[in-house]
Amino acid sequence: MQDDLKQDVLHALFYFKKASAAISRFLVNAEGGGLSVTELSALNCIEGGGEKGCDTADAARPADQTTHHAMHETLAVSKAAVSQILGSLEKREYIQRETDRDNRRKIIITVTEKGKTAVDQGKKQMDTLMSRIITGLGEEDARHFVRLLDRFAEVVDEELSKVD
């Protein structure tokens, strides 16, 4: 395998990380924004419940609630990262946490009205930015990018599972 190609793939990964961070900064700094991409995803996960958000595996749970564990699984971040995200969102009064009456070990997380407003604004900002990016790339290249990124993630998962 060519060493140049290895270097090019690594460079592209670092460049992608830089672009992802720039998107998050854009959202944080956007008028009426203030949410990072991760925070927006977390709020969307909670707000969507089992239908379009976090997979709660609990049909009895209302659609606008979730648990810490469901967020950890859906967002593919560590439990510590979920706690940090939730702490930040709770401090800004975007979410509310309460102990589950049926299982005191579970914490139920609900988006507040202030959080719902922030999600709506964040989604609008993200939609506008994504539309501009897709227009810049062109629809065919955007679809190709998604396909390649999905395939890349699959191969990484496969290879790393061999190492574990």
C-alpha atoms as a PDB file:
ATOM      1  CA  MET A   1       0.000   0.000   0.000  1.00  0.00           C
ATOM      2  CA  GLN A   2       1.303   3.452  -0.874  1.00  0.00           C
ATOM      3  CA  ASP A   3       2.615   5.518   2.024  1.00  0.00           C
ATOM      4  CA  ASP A   4       1.298   8.639   0.304  1.00  0.00           C
ATOM      5  CA  LEU A   5      -2.248   7.247   0.366  1.00  0.00           C
ATOM      6  CA  LYS A   6      -1.948   6.441   4.080  1.00  0.00           C
ATOM      7  CA  GLN A   7      -0.842  10.002   4.742  1.00  0.00           C
ATOM      8  CA  ASP A   8      -3.632  11.381   2.557  1.00  0.00           C
ATOM      9  CA  VAL A   9      -6.277   9.388   4.478  1.00  0.00           C
ATOM     10  CA  LEU A  10      -4.874  10.594   7.823  1.00  0.00           C
ATOM     11  CA  HIS A  11      -4.777  14.174   6.556  1.00  0.00           C
ATOM     12  CA  ALA A  12      -8.372  13.917   5.349  1.00  0.00           C
ATOM     13  CA  LEU A  13      -9.426  12.621   8.792  1.00  0.00           C
ATOM     14  CA  PHE A  14      -7.794  15.546  10.553  1.00  0.00           C
ATOM     15  CA  TYR A  15      -9.281  17.953   8.039  1.00  0.00           C
ATOM     16  CA  PHE A  16     -12.722  16.398   8.601  1.00  0.00           C
ATOM     17  CA  LYS A  17     -12.289  16.830  12.360  1.00  0.00           C
ATOM     18  CA  LYS A  18     -11.420  20.490  11.783  1.00  0.00           C
ATOM     19  CA  ALA A  19     -14.529  20.940   9.599  1.00  0.00           C
ATOM     20  CA  SER A  20     -16.717  19.253  12.229  1.00  0.00           C
ATOM     21  CA  ALA A  21     -15.361  21.571  14.919  1.00  0.00           C
ATOM     22  CA  ALA A  22     -16.047  24.568  12.666  1.00  0.00           C
ATOM     23  CA  ILE A  23     -19.667  23.469  12.222  1.00  0.00           C
ATOM     24  CA  SER A  24     -20.053  23.173  15.984  1.00  0.00           C
ATOM     25  CA  ARG A  25     -18.511  26.646  16.497  1.00  0.00           C
ATOM     26  CA  PHE A  26     -20.906  28.028  13.877  1.00  0.00           C
ATOM     27  CA  LEU A  27     -23.890  26.676  15.806  1.00  0.00           C
ATOM     28  CA  VAL A  28     -22.589  27.910  19.161  1.00  0.00           C
ATOM     29  CA  ASN A  29     -21.981  31.384  17.753  1.00  0.00           C
ATOM     30  CA  ALA A  30     -25.114  31.580  15.569  1.00  0.00           C
ATOM     31  CA  GLU A  31     -27.708  34.194  16.427  1.00  0.00           C
ATOM     32  CA  GLY A  32     -30.117  32.609  18.877  1.00  0.00           C
ATOM     33  CA  GLY A  33     -27.940  29.495  18.919  1.00  0.00           C
ATOM     34  CA  GLY A  34     -25.582  28.579  21.679  1.00  0.00           C
ATOM     35  CA  LEU A  35     -25.726  24.791  21.234  1.00  0.00           C
ATOM     36  CA  SER A  36     -22.873  22.646  19.996  1.00  0.00           C
ATOM     37  CA  VAL A  37     -23.623  19.896  17.485  1.00  0.00           C
ATOM     38  CA  THR A  38     -23.346  17.362  20.315  1.00  0.00           C
ATOM     39  CA  GLU A  39     -25.726  19.310  22.555  1.00  0.00           C
ATOM     40  CA  LEU A  40     -28.201  19.743  19.703  1.00  0.00           C
ATOM     41  CA  SER A  41     -28.024  16.010  18.990  1.00  0.00           C
ATOM     42  CA  ALA A  42     -28.554  15.239  22.674  1.00  0.00           C
ATOM     43  CA  LEU A  43     -31.586  17.518  22.927  1.00  0.00           C
ATOM     44  CA  ASN A  44     -32.994  16.097  19.706  1.00  0.00           C
ATOM     45  CA  CYS A  45     -32.431  12.601  21.082  1.00  0.00           C
ATOM     46  CA  ILE A  46     -34.361  13.438  24.251  1.00  0.00           C
ATOM     47  CA  GLU A  47     -37.101  15.381  22.508  1.00  0.00           C
ATOM     48  CA  GLY A  48     -37.637  12.636  19.950  1.00  0.00           C
ATOM     49  CA  GLY A  49     -37.921   9.838  22.484  1.00  0.00           C
ATOM     50  CA  GLY A  50     -38.059   6.325  21.015  1.00  0.00           C
ATOM     51  CA  GLU A  51     -39.676   7.332  17.724  1.00  0.00           C
ATOM     52  CA  LYS A  52     -36.961   9.492  16.129  1.00  0.00           C
ATOM     53  CA  GLY A  53     -34.532  10.079  18.945  1.00  0.00           C
ATOM     54  CA  CYS A  54     -32.968   7.877  21.586  1.00  0.00           C
ATOM     55  CA  ASP A  55     -33.845   4.217  21.500  1.00  0.00           C
ATOM     56  CA  THR A  56     -35.352   3.764  24.963  1.00  0.00           C
ATOM     57  CA  ALA A  57     -36.626   0.190  24.528  1.00  0.00           C
ATOM     58  CA  ASP A  58     -39.472   1.265  26.805  1.00  0.00           C
ATOM     59  CA  ALA A  59     -42.777   1.592  24.981  1.00  0.00           C
ATOM     60  CA  ALA A  60     -44.435   2.991  28.121  1.00  0.00           C
ATOM     61  CA  ARG A  61     -42.100   6.010  28.230  1.00  0.00           C
ATOM     62  CA  PRO A  62     -43.503   9.255  26.778  1.00  0.00           C
ATOM     63  CA  ALA A  63     -42.055  10.316  23.423  1.00  0.00           C
ATOM     64  CA  ASP A  64     -40.337  13.393  24.902  1.00  0.00           C
ATOM     65  CA  GLN A  65     -38.350  11.593  27.618  1.00  0.00           C
ATOM     66  CA  THR A  66     -35.317   9.344  27.670  1.00  0.00           C
ATOM     67  CA  THR A  67     -32.721   7.867  29.983  1.00  0.00           C
ATOM     68  CA  HIS A  68     -28.988   8.344  30.444  1.00  0.00           C
ATOM     69  CA  HIS A  69     -28.331   4.821  29.131  1.00  0.00           C
ATOM     70  CA  ALA A  70     -30.418   5.355  25.989  1.00  0.00           C
ATOM     71  CA  MET A  71     -28.471   8.542  25.236  1.00  0.00           C
ATOM     72  CA  HIS A  72     -25.159   6.736  25.735  1.00  0.00           C
ATOM     73  CA  GLU A  73     -26.224   4.047  23.254  1.00  0.00           C
ATOM     74  CA  THR A  74     -27.800   6.338  20.651  1.00  0.00           C
ATOM     75  CA  LEU A  75     -25.185   9.114  20.619  1.00  0.00           C
ATOM     76  CA  ALA A  76     -22.281   6.608  20.740  1.00  0.00           C
ATOM     77  CA  VAL A  77     -20.430   8.569  23.406  1.00  0.00           C
ATOM     78  CA  SER A  78     -19.151   7.500  26.804  1.00  0.00           C
ATOM     79  CA  LYS A  79     -21.380   7.566  29.857  1.00  0.00           C
ATOM     80  CA  ALA A  80     -19.113  10.260  31.298  1.00  0.00           C
ATOM     81  CA  ALA A  81     -19.613  12.380  28.167  1.00  0.00           C
ATOM     82  CA  VAL A  82     -23.394  11.994  28.473  1.00  0.00           C
ATOM     83  CA  SER A  83     -23.195  13.158  32.100  1.00  0.00           C
ATOM     84  CA  GLN A  84     -21.129  16.183  31.086  1.00  0.00           C
ATOM     85  CA  ILE A  85     -23.533  17.100  28.273  1.00  0.00           C
ATOM     86  CA  LEU A  86     -26.552  16.704  30.543  1.00  0.00           C
ATOM     87  CA  GLY A  87     -24.931  18.786  33.270  1.00  0.00           C
ATOM     88  CA  SER A  88     -24.318  21.608  30.812  1.00  0.00           C
ATOM     89  CA  LEU A  89     -27.869  21.427  29.421  1.00  0.00           C
ATOM     90  CA  GLU A  90     -29.410  21.284  32.888  1.00  0.00           C
ATOM     91  CA  LYS A  91     -27.362  24.265  34.090  1.00  0.00           C
ATOM     92  CA  ARG A  92     -28.776  26.295  31.198  1.00  0.00           C
ATOM     93  CA  GLU A  93     -32.287  24.997  32.001  1.00  0.00           C
ATOM     94  CA  TYR A  94     -32.692  23.170  28.677  1.00  0.00           C
ATOM     95  CA  ILE A  95     -33.461  19.855  30.374  1.00  0.00           C
ATOM     96  CA  GLN A  96     -34.912  18.545  33.595  1.00  0.00           C
ATOM     97  CA  ARG A  97     -33.800  15.343  35.331  1.00  0.00           C
ATOM     98  CA  GLU A  98     -35.853  13.374  37.819  1.00  0.00           C
ATOM     99  CA  THR A  99     -35.692   9.925  39.387  1.00  0.00           C
ATOM    100  CA  ASP A 100     -37.923   7.267  37.821  1.00  0.00           C
ATOM    101  CA  ARG A 101     -40.633   6.351  40.353  1.00  0.00           C
ATOM    102  CA  ASP A 102     -40.702   2.728  39.182  1.00  0.00           C
ATOM    103  CA  ASN A 103     -36.923   2.250  39.232  1.00  0.00           C
ATOM    104  CA  ARG A 104     -35.013   4.662  41.459  1.00  0.00           C
ATOM    105  CA  ARG A 105     -31.744   3.780  39.703  1.00  0.00           C
ATOM    106  CA  LYS A 106     -33.022   5.386  36.471  1.00  0.00           C
ATOM    107  CA  ILE A 107     -33.039   9.101  35.814  1.00  0.00           C
ATOM    108  CA  ILE A 108     -35.711  10.410  33.437  1.00  0.00           C
ATOM    109  CA  ILE A 109     -34.562  13.281  31.238  1.00  0.00           C
ATOM    110  CA  THR A 110     -37.075  15.718  29.734  1.00  0.00           C
ATOM    111  CA  VAL A 111     -36.550  18.766  27.499  1.00  0.00           C
ATOM    112  CA  THR A 112     -37.902  22.010  28.985  1.00  0.00           C
ATOM    113  CA  GLU A 113     -39.770  24.668  26.980  1.00  0.00           C
ATOM    114  CA  LYS A 114     -36.548  26.703  26.903  1.00  0.00           C
ATOM    115  CA  GLY A 115     -34.772  23.607  25.561  1.00  0.00           C
ATOM    116  CA  LYS A 116     -37.420  23.067  22.889  1.00  0.00           C
ATOM    117  CA  THR A 117     -36.929  26.638  21.699  1.00  0.00           C
ATOM    118  CA  ALA A 118     -33.153  26.095  21.570  1.00  0.00           C
ATOM    119  CA  VAL A 119     -33.643  22.861  19.589  1.00  0.00           C
ATOM    120  CA  ASP A 120     -35.904  24.612  17.073  1.00  0.00           C
ATOM    121  CA  GLN A 121     -33.385  27.425  16.591  1.00  0.00           C
ATOM    122  CA  GLY A 122     -30.468  24.991  16.368  1.00  0.00           C
ATOM    123  CA  LYS A 123     -32.262  22.846  13.787  1.00  0.00           C
ATOM    124  CA  LYS A 124     -32.985  25.923  11.658  1.00  0.00           C
ATOM    125  CA  GLN A 125     -29.338  27.027  11.832  1.00  0.00           C
ATOM    126  CA  MET A 126     -28.114  23.508  11.021  1.00  0.00           C
ATOM    127  CA  ASP A 127     -30.616  23.130   8.161  1.00  0.00           C
ATOM    128  CA  THR A 128     -29.467  26.414   6.629  1.00  0.00           C
ATOM    129  CA  LEU A 129     -25.799  25.470   6.924  1.00  0.00           C
ATOM    130  CA  MET A 130     -26.315  21.939   5.561  1.00  0.00           C
ATOM    131  CA  SER A 131     -28.276  23.319   2.597  1.00  0.00           C
ATOM    132  CA  ARG A 132     -25.391  25.677   1.802  1.00  0.00           C
ATOM    133  CA  ILE A 133     -22.810  22.887   2.147  1.00  0.00           C
ATOM    134  CA  ILE A 134     -24.806  20.502  -0.067  1.00  0.00           C
ATOM    135  CA  THR A 135     -25.269  23.252  -2.647  1.00  0.00           C
ATOM    136  CA  GLY A 136     -21.512  23.876  -2.592  1.00  0.00           C
ATOM    137  CA  LEU A 137     -20.692  20.180  -2.960  1.00  0.00           C
ATOM    138  CA  GLY A 138     -23.463  19.368  -5.371  1.00  0.00           C
ATOM    139  CA  GLU A 139     -26.029  16.675  -4.642  1.00  0.00           C
ATOM    140  CA  GLU A 140     -24.081  13.864  -6.320  1.00  0.00           C
ATOM    141  CA  ASP A 141     -20.853  14.587  -4.411  1.00  0.00           C
ATOM    142  CA  ALA A 142     -22.801  14.996  -1.145  1.00  0.00           C
ATOM    143  CA  ARG A 143     -24.384  11.550  -1.595  1.00  0.00           C
ATOM    144  CA  HIS A 144     -21.004  10.096  -2.539  1.00  0.00           C
ATOM    145  CA  PHE A 145     -19.469  11.653   0.587  1.00  0.00           C
ATOM    146  CA  VAL A 146     -22.154  10.107   2.814  1.00  0.00           C
ATOM    147  CA  ARG A 147     -21.725   6.704   1.190  1.00  0.00           C
ATOM    148  CA  LEU A 148     -17.927   6.802   1.589  1.00  0.00           C
ATOM    149  CA  LEU A 149     -18.086   8.039   5.161  1.00  0.00           C
ATOM    150  CA  ASP A 150     -20.557   5.283   6.084  1.00  0.00           C
ATOM    151  CA  ARG A 151     -18.339   2.696   4.419  1.00  0.00           C
ATOM    152  CA  PHE A 152     -15.243   4.102   6.139  1.00  0.00           C
ATOM    153  CA  ALA A 153     -16.950   3.821   9.544  1.00  0.00           C
ATOM    154  CA  GLU A 154     -17.943   0.208   8.791  1.00  0.00           C
ATOM    155  CA  VAL A 155     -14.381  -0.752   7.856  1.00  0.00           C
ATOM    156  CA  VAL A 156     -12.959   0.992  10.929  1.00  0.00           C
ATOM    157  CA  ASP A 157     -15.436  -0.869  13.166  1.00  0.00           C
ATOM    158  CA  GLU A 158     -14.581  -4.183  11.499  1.00  0.00           C
ATOM    159  CA  GLU A 159     -10.831  -3.678  11.824  1.00  0.00           C
ATOM    160  CA  LEU A 160     -10.967  -2.428  15.402  1.00  0.00           C
ATOM    161  CA  SER A 161     -13.162  -5.365  16.432  1.00  0.00           C
ATOM    162  CA  LYS A 162     -10.358  -7.662  15.272  1.00  0.00           C
ATOM    163  CA  VAL A 163      -7.926  -5.859  17.587  1.00  0.00           C
ATOM    164  CA  ASP A 164     -10.134  -6.036  20.710  1.00  0.00           C
END
